[in-house]
Amino acid sequence: MDWNSALKDFIQYLRLERSLAKNSIDAYLQDVEKLKQHALYSHQKLPAEISTQDIRDFLEWINTLGMTPHSQARVLSGVKAFYQYLMLEGLIKNNPAALIEAPRLGRKLPDTLNITEIDTLIAAIDLSTPEGIRNKAMLEILYSCGLRVSELVNLKLSNLFLNIEFIKVTGKGSKERLVPIGQTAIKHIEIYLQHTRKEGPIKTGMEDFVFLNRRGAPLTRVMIFLIIKDLAAKIGLKKKISPHTFRHSFATHLIEGGADLRAVQDMLGHESISTTEIYTHLDRDYLRSVMIDFHPRA
C-alpha cells in the first residue's frame, strides 16, 4: 500500500468509525503527511516499511525545524494513531511508533499577581456605583477563597456561612467543599448584600445566587473576565490576567507564607496533590528573588 492510498483509507476510518470532526481529521492528516514527506525524501519507504528507528529519525528531523515539544508530541500522537489503524487492518504486525515516548513537556507555571498588584487592582474599583460595590465583593472573595470563576458565578446565598467564616463551594464533578473566608471579603460581601443586591431587581428563580447583574440575573464567566480586564487596563497592568489569576495568586501567597500544601489542596479542591505542587515551584522562584535582593553575595 502506498502513502496516498493509506492516508485516504485512514481518513475514512477517522471519519466513519471514530466519528472525528473535520478539524481533528485535518490535524491527523497533517501529522502523517510530515512523516510521509520525510520517508519519501530520506528512505523512499512505504508506510509498512517504516521502522522504529525511522520514526526516531523523523522526530529528530522535526525537532531541527524548530517545532515546540508540544507540537512534536502532537505529531507523534498522530503517527501512532496512523500505525495503530494499519495494525487494525492487518497491514502491519507491529506499531513501530508504539514504544517511542513523546518529548518531555515542561509544565507552564501559572501567572500570578503580587500583593501590591492585587491591592492596586481592587483599589481601582469605583465604589460610587452599585456595580462597583458588587465588583469589590466579587474580587475580594476570588482572592480570599481561591475560587474558580465557575464556582463564583454559581455561589449561592444558602452556602454563605459568614458567621463562622466559611463558604460552601460546588467544584468540579459537583464535589462540595468548605472554604474559609477572610474578614475583608466578609465585610465587602455584607455591604453588597445589605445594599446593592437588596435594592436591585432579582429575576424569578435567581433568588439564591449571590452575584447578579443589573437585570437581576447571575453574572456570567465572560462578564467577570471583562470586569477584570477593564480594571487591569485602568491601572496600566501589563500582565495578561483573568479570574483564574486570583486563584493562582491565592495559592501562591499562602505557600509563600508557609501554609501546609495539603491544606492548600483542600481549599483549592484539587483531586491530586500533584496539581497543587506546581505552586511550590512558584514559591522557589520567590525564595530565589529574596536571596538575590537581600543576600550580600547574591
C-alpha atoms as a PDB file:
ATOM      1  CA  MET A   1       0.000   0.000   0.000  1.00  0.00           C
ATOM      2  CA  ASP A   2       1.397   3.399  -0.989  1.00  0.00           C
ATOM      3  CA  TRP A   3       1.187   6.535   1.127  1.00  0.00           C
ATOM      4  CA  ASN A   4      -1.721   8.144  -0.731  1.00  0.00           C
ATOM      5  CA  SER A   5      -3.908   5.035  -0.511  1.00  0.00           C
ATOM      6  CA  ALA A   6      -3.053   4.503   3.152  1.00  0.00           C
ATOM      7  CA  LEU A   7      -3.849   8.111   4.029  1.00  0.00           C
ATOM      8  CA  LYS A   8      -7.118   8.063   2.097  1.00  0.00           C
ATOM      9  CA  ASP A   9      -8.280   4.955   3.966  1.00  0.00           C
ATOM     10  CA  PHE A  10      -7.043   6.369   7.288  1.00  0.00           C
ATOM     11  CA  ILE A  11      -9.171   9.482   6.759  1.00  0.00           C
ATOM     12  CA  GLN A  12     -12.227   7.340   6.057  1.00  0.00           C
ATOM     13  CA  TYR A  13     -11.567   5.366   9.247  1.00  0.00           C
ATOM     14  CA  LEU A  14     -11.295   8.548  11.335  1.00  0.00           C
ATOM     15  CA  ARG A  15     -14.464   9.987   9.815  1.00  0.00           C
ATOM     16  CA  LEU A  16     -16.708   6.929   9.763  1.00  0.00           C
ATOM     17  CA  GLU A  17     -15.522   4.690  12.589  1.00  0.00           C
ATOM     18  CA  ARG A  18     -14.157   7.213  15.062  1.00  0.00           C
ATOM     19  CA  SER A  19     -16.611   9.982  14.095  1.00  0.00           C
ATOM     20  CA  LEU A  20     -13.980  12.695  14.458  1.00  0.00           C
ATOM     21  CA  ALA A  21     -14.633  16.301  13.495  1.00  0.00           C
ATOM     22  CA  LYS A  22     -13.062  17.715  10.329  1.00  0.00           C
ATOM     23  CA  ASN A  23     -10.528  19.791  12.280  1.00  0.00           C
ATOM     24  CA  SER A  24      -9.317  16.714  14.159  1.00  0.00           C
ATOM     25  CA  ILE A  25      -9.059  14.690  10.945  1.00  0.00           C
ATOM     26  CA  ASP A  26      -7.107  17.501   9.270  1.00  0.00           C
ATOM     27  CA  ALA A  27      -4.695  17.598  12.223  1.00  0.00           C
ATOM     28  CA  TYR A  28      -4.070  13.843  11.984  1.00  0.00           C
ATOM     29  CA  LEU A  29      -3.550  14.139   8.226  1.00  0.00           C
ATOM     30  CA  GLN A  30      -1.010  16.954   8.609  1.00  0.00           C
ATOM     31  CA  ASP A  31       0.943  14.912  11.165  1.00  0.00           C
ATOM     32  CA  VAL A  32       1.191  11.818   8.961  1.00  0.00           C
ATOM     33  CA  GLU A  33       1.914  13.936   5.870  1.00  0.00           C
ATOM     34  CA  LYS A  34       5.049  15.140   7.635  1.00  0.00           C
ATOM     35  CA  LEU A  35       6.158  11.534   8.160  1.00  0.00           C
ATOM     36  CA  LYS A  36       5.349  10.746   4.518  1.00  0.00           C
ATOM     37  CA  GLN A  37       7.444  13.712   3.369  1.00  0.00           C
ATOM     38  CA  HIS A  38      10.407  12.600   5.478  1.00  0.00           C
ATOM     39  CA  ALA A  39      10.103   8.925   4.487  1.00  0.00           C
ATOM     40  CA  LEU A  40       9.991   9.619   0.757  1.00  0.00           C
ATOM     41  CA  TYR A  41      12.817  12.138   0.920  1.00  0.00           C
ATOM     42  CA  SER A  42      15.136  10.131   3.180  1.00  0.00           C
ATOM     43  CA  HIS A  43      14.381   6.461   2.570  1.00  0.00           C
ATOM     44  CA  GLN A  44      11.855   6.081  -0.261  1.00  0.00           C
ATOM     45  CA  LYS A  45       9.959   3.747   2.076  1.00  0.00           C
ATOM     46  CA  LEU A  46       6.287   2.809   2.003  1.00  0.00           C
ATOM     47  CA  PRO A  47       4.159   3.049   5.186  1.00  0.00           C
ATOM     48  CA  ALA A  48       4.517  -0.655   6.041  1.00  0.00           C
ATOM     49  CA  GLU A  49       8.312  -0.466   5.658  1.00  0.00           C
ATOM     50  CA  ILE A  50       8.845   2.228   8.301  1.00  0.00           C
ATOM     51  CA  SER A  51      10.810   1.050  11.356  1.00  0.00           C
ATOM     52  CA  THR A  52      11.035   2.383  14.891  1.00  0.00           C
ATOM     53  CA  GLN A  53      14.422   3.887  14.040  1.00  0.00           C
ATOM     54  CA  ASP A  54      12.902   5.632  11.017  1.00  0.00           C
ATOM     55  CA  ILE A  55      10.372   7.288  13.312  1.00  0.00           C
ATOM     56  CA  ARG A  56      13.114   8.304  15.737  1.00  0.00           C
ATOM     57  CA  ASP A  57      14.994   9.874  12.816  1.00  0.00           C
ATOM     58  CA  PHE A  58      11.779  11.611  11.779  1.00  0.00           C
ATOM     59  CA  LEU A  59      11.332  13.095  15.264  1.00  0.00           C
ATOM     60  CA  GLU A  60      14.914  14.363  15.220  1.00  0.00           C
ATOM     61  CA  TRP A  61      14.185  15.965  11.855  1.00  0.00           C
ATOM     62  CA  ILE A  62      11.046  17.816  13.017  1.00  0.00           C
ATOM     63  CA  ASN A  63      12.994  18.962  16.071  1.00  0.00           C
ATOM     64  CA  THR A  64      15.501  20.672  13.736  1.00  0.00           C
ATOM     65  CA  LEU A  65      12.578  22.521  12.145  1.00  0.00           C
ATOM     66  CA  GLY A  66      12.075  24.368  15.427  1.00  0.00           C
ATOM     67  CA  MET A  67       8.832  22.662  16.443  1.00  0.00           C
ATOM     68  CA  THR A  68       7.976  23.014  20.112  1.00  0.00           C
ATOM     69  CA  PRO A  69       7.886  19.914  22.347  1.00  0.00           C
ATOM     70  CA  HIS A  70       4.073  20.224  22.443  1.00  0.00           C
ATOM     71  CA  SER A  71       3.894  20.226  18.638  1.00  0.00           C
ATOM     72  CA  GLN A  72       6.305  17.291  18.411  1.00  0.00           C
ATOM     73  CA  ALA A  73       4.207  15.329  20.909  1.00  0.00           C
ATOM     74  CA  ARG A  74       1.085  16.043  18.873  1.00  0.00           C
ATOM     75  CA  VAL A  75       2.757  14.839  15.641  1.00  0.00           C
ATOM     76  CA  LEU A  76       3.923  11.641  17.348  1.00  0.00           C
ATOM     77  CA  SER A  77       0.377  11.059  18.602  1.00  0.00           C
ATOM     78  CA  GLY A  78      -0.921  11.325  15.033  1.00  0.00           C
ATOM     79  CA  VAL A  79       1.732   8.932  13.729  1.00  0.00           C
ATOM     80  CA  LYS A  80       0.910   6.415  16.468  1.00  0.00           C
ATOM     81  CA  ALA A  81      -2.779   6.584  15.565  1.00  0.00           C
ATOM     82  CA  PHE A  82      -1.962   6.017  11.886  1.00  0.00           C
ATOM     83  CA  TYR A  83       0.076   2.897  12.606  1.00  0.00           C
ATOM     84  CA  GLN A  84      -2.495   1.647  15.071  1.00  0.00           C
ATOM     85  CA  TYR A  85      -5.007   1.846  12.230  1.00  0.00           C
ATOM     86  CA  LEU A  86      -2.681  -0.111   9.897  1.00  0.00           C
ATOM     87  CA  MET A  87      -2.410  -2.795  12.583  1.00  0.00           C
ATOM     88  CA  LEU A  88      -6.194  -2.997  12.926  1.00  0.00           C
ATOM     89  CA  GLU A  89      -6.426  -3.508   9.168  1.00  0.00           C
ATOM     90  CA  GLY A  90      -3.829  -6.289   9.287  1.00  0.00           C
ATOM     91  CA  LEU A  91      -1.426  -4.359   7.064  1.00  0.00           C
ATOM     92  CA  ILE A  92       1.408  -4.474   9.623  1.00  0.00           C
ATOM     93  CA  LYS A  93       2.142  -6.745  12.574  1.00  0.00           C
ATOM     94  CA  ASN A  94       3.625  -4.195  14.963  1.00  0.00           C
ATOM     95  CA  ASN A  95       3.236  -0.476  15.535  1.00  0.00           C
ATOM     96  CA  PRO A  96       6.755   0.982  15.032  1.00  0.00           C
ATOM     97  CA  ALA A  97       5.783   4.109  16.996  1.00  0.00           C
ATOM     98  CA  ALA A  98       4.208   2.338  19.974  1.00  0.00           C
ATOM     99  CA  LEU A  99       7.222   2.378  22.297  1.00  0.00           C
ATOM    100  CA  ILE A 100       8.513   5.831  21.388  1.00  0.00           C
ATOM    101  CA  GLU A 101       7.988   8.352  24.175  1.00  0.00           C
ATOM    102  CA  ALA A 102       6.840  11.870  23.451  1.00  0.00           C
ATOM    103  CA  PRO A 103       9.211  14.767  24.224  1.00  0.00           C
ATOM    104  CA  ARG A 104       9.138  15.760  27.879  1.00  0.00           C
ATOM    105  CA  LEU A 105       6.743  18.662  28.259  1.00  0.00           C
ATOM    106  CA  GLY A 106       7.587  21.355  30.751  1.00  0.00           C
ATOM    107  CA  ARG A 107       4.641  22.391  32.863  1.00  0.00           C
ATOM    108  CA  LYS A 108       3.829  26.055  32.389  1.00  0.00           C
ATOM    109  CA  LEU A 109       3.725  27.924  35.646  1.00  0.00           C
ATOM    110  CA  PRO A 110       0.555  29.979  36.077  1.00  0.00           C
ATOM    111  CA  ASP A 111       0.691  33.771  36.014  1.00  0.00           C
ATOM    112  CA  THR A 112       0.200  35.409  39.388  1.00  0.00           C
ATOM    113  CA  LEU A 113      -0.133  38.880  40.847  1.00  0.00           C
ATOM    114  CA  ASN A 114       1.928  40.048  43.785  1.00  0.00           C
ATOM    115  CA  ILE A 115       0.209  41.505  46.828  1.00  0.00           C
ATOM    116  CA  THR A 116       0.767  45.103  45.714  1.00  0.00           C
ATOM    117  CA  GLU A 117      -0.775  44.374  42.313  1.00  0.00           C
ATOM    118  CA  ILE A 118      -3.786  42.725  43.953  1.00  0.00           C
ATOM    119  CA  ASP A 119      -4.274  45.718  46.253  1.00  0.00           C
ATOM    120  CA  THR A 120      -3.880  48.224  43.401  1.00  0.00           C
ATOM    121  CA  LEU A 121      -6.325  46.361  41.179  1.00  0.00           C
ATOM    122  CA  ILE A 122      -9.028  46.114  43.838  1.00  0.00           C
ATOM    123  CA  ALA A 123      -8.476  49.730  44.935  1.00  0.00           C
ATOM    124  CA  ALA A 124      -9.165  50.869  41.359  1.00  0.00           C
ATOM    125  CA  ILE A 125     -12.818  49.797  41.619  1.00  0.00           C
ATOM    126  CA  ASP A 126     -15.252  52.732  41.599  1.00  0.00           C
ATOM    127  CA  LEU A 127     -17.335  52.279  44.759  1.00  0.00           C
ATOM    128  CA  SER A 128     -19.722  55.113  43.866  1.00  0.00           C
ATOM    129  CA  THR A 129     -21.777  52.750  41.695  1.00  0.00           C
ATOM    130  CA  PRO A 130     -23.817  49.657  42.627  1.00  0.00           C
ATOM    131  CA  GLU A 131     -21.761  47.615  40.158  1.00  0.00           C
ATOM    132  CA  GLY A 132     -18.547  48.783  41.800  1.00  0.00           C
ATOM    133  CA  ILE A 133     -19.733  47.642  45.239  1.00  0.00           C
ATOM    134  CA  ARG A 134     -20.618  44.260  43.739  1.00  0.00           C
ATOM    135  CA  ASN A 135     -17.294  44.001  41.891  1.00  0.00           C
ATOM    136  CA  LYS A 136     -15.352  44.811  45.049  1.00  0.00           C
ATOM    137  CA  ALA A 137     -17.085  41.977  46.918  1.00  0.00           C
ATOM    138  CA  MET A 138     -16.568  39.673  43.969  1.00  0.00           C
ATOM    139  CA  LEU A 139     -12.814  40.240  43.644  1.00  0.00           C
ATOM    140  CA  GLU A 140     -12.303  40.092  47.394  1.00  0.00           C
ATOM    141  CA  ILE A 141     -13.932  36.658  47.524  1.00  0.00           C
ATOM    142  CA  LEU A 142     -11.988  35.453  44.454  1.00  0.00           C
ATOM    143  CA  TYR A 143      -8.723  36.303  46.175  1.00  0.00           C
ATOM    144  CA  SER A 144      -9.781  35.393  49.724  1.00  0.00           C
ATOM    145  CA  CYS A 145     -11.080  31.930  48.808  1.00  0.00           C
ATOM    146  CA  GLY A 146      -9.215  30.979  45.631  1.00  0.00           C
ATOM    147  CA  LEU A 147     -12.411  30.154  43.761  1.00  0.00           C
ATOM    148  CA  ARG A 148     -12.698  29.075  40.149  1.00  0.00           C
ATOM    149  CA  VAL A 149     -14.773  31.552  38.142  1.00  0.00           C
ATOM    150  CA  SER A 150     -17.450  28.871  37.633  1.00  0.00           C
ATOM    151  CA  GLU A 151     -17.644  28.463  41.414  1.00  0.00           C
ATOM    152  CA  LEU A 152     -18.039  32.209  41.844  1.00  0.00           C
ATOM    153  CA  VAL A 153     -20.893  32.614  39.354  1.00  0.00           C
ATOM    154  CA  ASN A 154     -22.736  29.668  40.923  1.00  0.00           C
ATOM    155  CA  LEU A 155     -22.198  30.739  44.540  1.00  0.00           C
ATOM    156  CA  LYS A 156     -25.462  30.663  46.497  1.00  0.00           C
ATOM    157  CA  LEU A 157     -26.678  32.697  49.464  1.00  0.00           C
ATOM    158  CA  SER A 158     -27.618  29.444  51.183  1.00  0.00           C
ATOM    159  CA  ASN A 159     -23.954  28.412  51.044  1.00  0.00           C
ATOM    160  CA  LEU A 160     -22.629  31.504  52.820  1.00  0.00           C
ATOM    161  CA  PHE A 161     -21.820  30.842  56.479  1.00  0.00           C
ATOM    162  CA  LEU A 162     -20.248  34.200  57.199  1.00  0.00           C
ATOM    163  CA  ASN A 163     -20.901  33.981  60.953  1.00  0.00           C
ATOM    164  CA  ILE A 164     -18.410  31.084  61.167  1.00  0.00           C
ATOM    165  CA  GLU A 165     -16.216  32.491  58.343  1.00  0.00           C
ATOM    166  CA  PHE A 166     -16.785  29.693  55.818  1.00  0.00           C
ATOM    167  CA  ILE A 167     -18.497  29.280  52.470  1.00  0.00           C
ATOM    168  CA  LYS A 168     -19.594  26.065  50.763  1.00  0.00           C
ATOM    169  CA  VAL A 169     -18.441  25.719  47.174  1.00  0.00           C
ATOM    170  CA  THR A 170     -19.539  23.288  44.469  1.00  0.00           C
ATOM    171  CA  GLY A 171     -16.484  22.491  42.365  1.00  0.00           C
ATOM    172  CA  LYS A 172     -15.572  20.132  39.550  1.00  0.00           C
ATOM    173  CA  GLY A 173     -17.590  16.946  39.379  1.00  0.00           C
ATOM    174  CA  SER A 174     -20.250  18.584  41.595  1.00  0.00           C
ATOM    175  CA  LYS A 175     -17.990  17.997  44.609  1.00  0.00           C
ATOM    176  CA  GLU A 176     -18.667  20.281  47.551  1.00  0.00           C
ATOM    177  CA  ARG A 177     -16.043  21.707  49.874  1.00  0.00           C
ATOM    178  CA  LEU A 178     -15.928  24.180  52.744  1.00  0.00           C
ATOM    179  CA  VAL A 179     -13.533  27.079  52.250  1.00  0.00           C
ATOM    180  CA  PRO A 180     -12.553  29.625  54.914  1.00  0.00           C
ATOM    181  CA  ILE A 181     -13.190  33.260  54.054  1.00  0.00           C
ATOM    182  CA  GLY A 182     -11.286  36.268  55.388  1.00  0.00           C
ATOM    183  CA  GLN A 183     -12.681  39.241  57.270  1.00  0.00           C
ATOM    184  CA  THR A 184     -12.026  41.707  54.443  1.00  0.00           C
ATOM    185  CA  ALA A 185     -14.040  39.635  51.989  1.00  0.00           C
ATOM    186  CA  ILE A 186     -16.825  39.141  54.554  1.00  0.00           C
ATOM    187  CA  LYS A 187     -17.033  42.898  55.125  1.00  0.00           C
ATOM    188  CA  HIS A 188     -17.484  43.690  51.430  1.00  0.00           C
ATOM    189  CA  ILE A 189     -19.904  40.830  50.784  1.00  0.00           C
ATOM    190  CA  GLU A 190     -22.097  42.070  53.637  1.00  0.00           C
ATOM    191  CA  ILE A 191     -22.043  45.620  52.245  1.00  0.00           C
ATOM    192  CA  TYR A 192     -23.039  44.271  48.830  1.00  0.00           C
ATOM    193  CA  LEU A 193     -25.813  42.064  50.221  1.00  0.00           C
ATOM    194  CA  GLN A 194     -27.262  44.730  52.507  1.00  0.00           C
ATOM    195  CA  HIS A 195     -27.331  47.499  49.907  1.00  0.00           C
ATOM    196  CA  THR A 196     -26.690  46.851  46.210  1.00  0.00           C
ATOM    197  CA  ARG A 197     -28.217  43.389  45.966  1.00  0.00           C
ATOM    198  CA  LYS A 198     -31.162  44.109  48.246  1.00  0.00           C
ATOM    199  CA  GLU A 199     -32.095  47.249  46.330  1.00  0.00           C
ATOM    200  CA  GLY A 200     -31.722  45.834  42.810  1.00  0.00           C
ATOM    201  CA  PRO A 201     -34.054  43.631  40.727  1.00  0.00           C
ATOM    202  CA  ILE A 202     -33.943  39.840  41.104  1.00  0.00           C
ATOM    203  CA  LYS A 203     -35.323  37.556  38.412  1.00  0.00           C
ATOM    204  CA  THR A 204     -37.662  34.745  39.397  1.00  0.00           C
ATOM    205  CA  GLY A 205     -35.727  31.592  40.188  1.00  0.00           C
ATOM    206  CA  MET A 206     -32.477  33.506  40.716  1.00  0.00           C
ATOM    207  CA  GLU A 207     -33.082  34.490  44.335  1.00  0.00           C
ATOM    208  CA  ASP A 208     -30.330  32.267  45.762  1.00  0.00           C
ATOM    209  CA  PHE A 209     -27.482  33.435  43.508  1.00  0.00           C
ATOM    210  CA  VAL A 210     -25.066  35.807  45.227  1.00  0.00           C
ATOM    211  CA  PHE A 211     -23.740  37.881  42.340  1.00  0.00           C
ATOM    212  CA  LEU A 212     -26.323  39.363  39.965  1.00  0.00           C
ATOM    213  CA  ASN A 213     -26.168  41.759  37.038  1.00  0.00           C
ATOM    214  CA  ARG A 214     -28.225  44.952  36.828  1.00  0.00           C
ATOM    215  CA  ARG A 215     -31.183  42.994  35.407  1.00  0.00           C
ATOM    216  CA  GLY A 216     -31.214  40.571  38.340  1.00  0.00           C
ATOM    217  CA  ALA A 217     -29.711  37.542  36.562  1.00  0.00           C
ATOM    218  CA  PRO A 218     -26.497  35.751  37.614  1.00  0.00           C
ATOM    219  CA  LEU A 219     -23.247  37.121  36.235  1.00  0.00           C
ATOM    220  CA  THR A 220     -21.589  35.071  33.512  1.00  0.00           C
ATOM    221  CA  ARG A 221     -17.964  33.963  33.316  1.00  0.00           C
ATOM    222  CA  VAL A 222     -17.413  36.315  30.377  1.00  0.00           C
ATOM    223  CA  MET A 223     -18.776  39.301  32.299  1.00  0.00           C
ATOM    224  CA  ILE A 224     -16.381  38.642  35.172  1.00  0.00           C
ATOM    225  CA  PHE A 225     -13.465  38.271  32.758  1.00  0.00           C
ATOM    226  CA  LEU A 226     -14.315  41.633  31.152  1.00  0.00           C
ATOM    227  CA  ILE A 227     -14.640  43.358  34.535  1.00  0.00           C
ATOM    228  CA  ILE A 228     -11.139  42.193  35.490  1.00  0.00           C
ATOM    229  CA  LYS A 229      -9.719  43.035  32.067  1.00  0.00           C
ATOM    230  CA  ASP A 230     -11.082  46.594  32.306  1.00  0.00           C
ATOM    231  CA  LEU A 231      -9.599  47.048  35.783  1.00  0.00           C
ATOM    232  CA  ALA A 232      -6.195  45.823  34.584  1.00  0.00           C
ATOM    233  CA  ALA A 233      -6.277  48.332  31.730  1.00  0.00           C
ATOM    234  CA  LYS A 234      -7.336  51.084  34.139  1.00  0.00           C
ATOM    235  CA  ILE A 235      -4.220  50.658  36.302  1.00  0.00           C
ATOM    236  CA  GLY A 236      -1.914  50.000  33.342  1.00  0.00           C
ATOM    237  CA  LEU A 237      -1.174  46.404  34.325  1.00  0.00           C
ATOM    238  CA  LYS A 238       0.874  44.745  31.578  1.00  0.00           C
ATOM    239  CA  LYS A 239       0.266  41.158  32.692  1.00  0.00           C
ATOM    240  CA  LYS A 240      -2.473  39.218  30.926  1.00  0.00           C
ATOM    241  CA  ILE A 241      -4.825  38.271  33.733  1.00  0.00           C
ATOM    242  CA  SER A 242      -8.149  36.524  34.143  1.00  0.00           C
ATOM    243  CA  PRO A 243     -10.370  35.499  37.072  1.00  0.00           C
ATOM    244  CA  HIS A 244      -8.174  32.402  37.443  1.00  0.00           C
ATOM    245  CA  THR A 245      -5.172  34.654  38.140  1.00  0.00           C
ATOM    246  CA  PHE A 246      -6.711  35.429  41.541  1.00  0.00           C
ATOM    247  CA  ARG A 247      -6.902  31.693  42.295  1.00  0.00           C
ATOM    248  CA  HIS A 248      -3.254  31.220  41.345  1.00  0.00           C
ATOM    249  CA  SER A 249      -2.251  34.236  43.432  1.00  0.00           C
ATOM    250  CA  PHE A 250      -4.272  32.965  46.417  1.00  0.00           C
ATOM    251  CA  ALA A 251      -2.413  29.634  46.380  1.00  0.00           C
ATOM    252  CA  THR A 252       0.998  31.168  45.745  1.00  0.00           C
ATOM    253  CA  HIS A 253       0.705  33.704  48.565  1.00  0.00           C
ATOM    254  CA  LEU A 254      -0.449  31.009  51.008  1.00  0.00           C
ATOM    255  CA  ILE A 255       2.546  28.814  50.225  1.00  0.00           C
ATOM    256  CA  GLU A 256       4.931  31.779  50.334  1.00  0.00           C
ATOM    257  CA  GLY A 257       3.545  32.452  53.806  1.00  0.00           C
ATOM    258  CA  GLY A 258       4.291  28.886  54.930  1.00  0.00           C
ATOM    259  CA  ALA A 259       0.879  27.218  54.523  1.00  0.00           C
ATOM    260  CA  ASP A 260       0.726  23.420  54.506  1.00  0.00           C
ATOM    261  CA  LEU A 261       0.443  22.027  50.971  1.00  0.00           C
ATOM    262  CA  ARG A 262      -2.359  19.629  51.935  1.00  0.00           C
ATOM    263  CA  ALA A 263      -4.391  22.479  53.398  1.00  0.00           C
ATOM    264  CA  VAL A 264      -3.976  24.477  50.188  1.00  0.00           C
ATOM    265  CA  GLN A 265      -5.012  21.383  48.198  1.00  0.00           C
ATOM    266  CA  ASP A 266      -8.219  21.118  50.232  1.00  0.00           C
ATOM    267  CA  MET A 267      -9.039  24.800  49.828  1.00  0.00           C
ATOM    268  CA  LEU A 268      -8.483  24.689  46.059  1.00  0.00           C
ATOM    269  CA  GLY A 269     -10.459  21.470  45.691  1.00  0.00           C
ATOM    270  CA  HIS A 270      -7.661  19.673  43.846  1.00  0.00           C
ATOM    271  CA  GLU A 271      -8.183  15.938  43.422  1.00  0.00           C
ATOM    272  CA  SER A 272      -4.437  15.255  43.412  1.00  0.00           C
ATOM    273  CA  ILE A 273      -1.664  16.834  45.477  1.00  0.00           C
ATOM    274  CA  SER A 274       0.491  16.896  42.318  1.00  0.00           C
ATOM    275  CA  THR A 275      -1.786  19.598  40.887  1.00  0.00           C
ATOM    276  CA  THR A 276      -1.181  21.762  43.944  1.00  0.00           C
ATOM    277  CA  GLU A 277       2.571  21.102  43.904  1.00  0.00           C
ATOM    278  CA  ILE A 278       3.004  23.401  40.915  1.00  0.00           C
ATOM    279  CA  TYR A 279       2.724  26.307  43.363  1.00  0.00           C
ATOM    280  CA  THR A 280       5.826  25.107  45.219  1.00  0.00           C
ATOM    281  CA  HIS A 281       7.798  25.909  42.054  1.00  0.00           C
ATOM    282  CA  LEU A 282       6.451  29.441  42.183  1.00  0.00           C
ATOM    283  CA  ASP A 283       7.439  29.568  45.841  1.00  0.00           C
ATOM    284  CA  ARG A 284      11.020  28.588  44.944  1.00  0.00           C
ATOM    285  CA  ASP A 285      11.119  31.473  42.462  1.00  0.00           C
ATOM    286  CA  TYR A 286      10.012  33.782  45.268  1.00  0.00           C
ATOM    287  CA  LEU A 287      12.704  32.463  47.607  1.00  0.00           C
ATOM    288  CA  ARG A 288      15.322  32.890  44.888  1.00  0.00           C
ATOM    289  CA  SER A 289      14.257  36.501  44.359  1.00  0.00           C
ATOM    290  CA  VAL A 290      14.543  37.140  48.111  1.00  0.00           C
ATOM    291  CA  MET A 291      18.111  35.830  48.069  1.00  0.00           C
ATOM    292  CA  ILE A 292      19.028  37.966  45.052  1.00  0.00           C
ATOM    293  CA  ASP A 293      17.533  41.076  46.643  1.00  0.00           C
ATOM    294  CA  PHE A 294      18.937  40.679  50.142  1.00  0.00           C
ATOM    295  CA  HIS A 295      21.977  38.374  50.227  1.00  0.00           C
ATOM    296  CA  PRO A 296      25.312  40.246  50.088  1.00  0.00           C
ATOM    297  CA  ARG A 297      26.910  37.542  47.886  1.00  0.00           C
ATOM    298  CA  ALA A 298      23.956  37.085  45.526  1.00  0.00           C
END
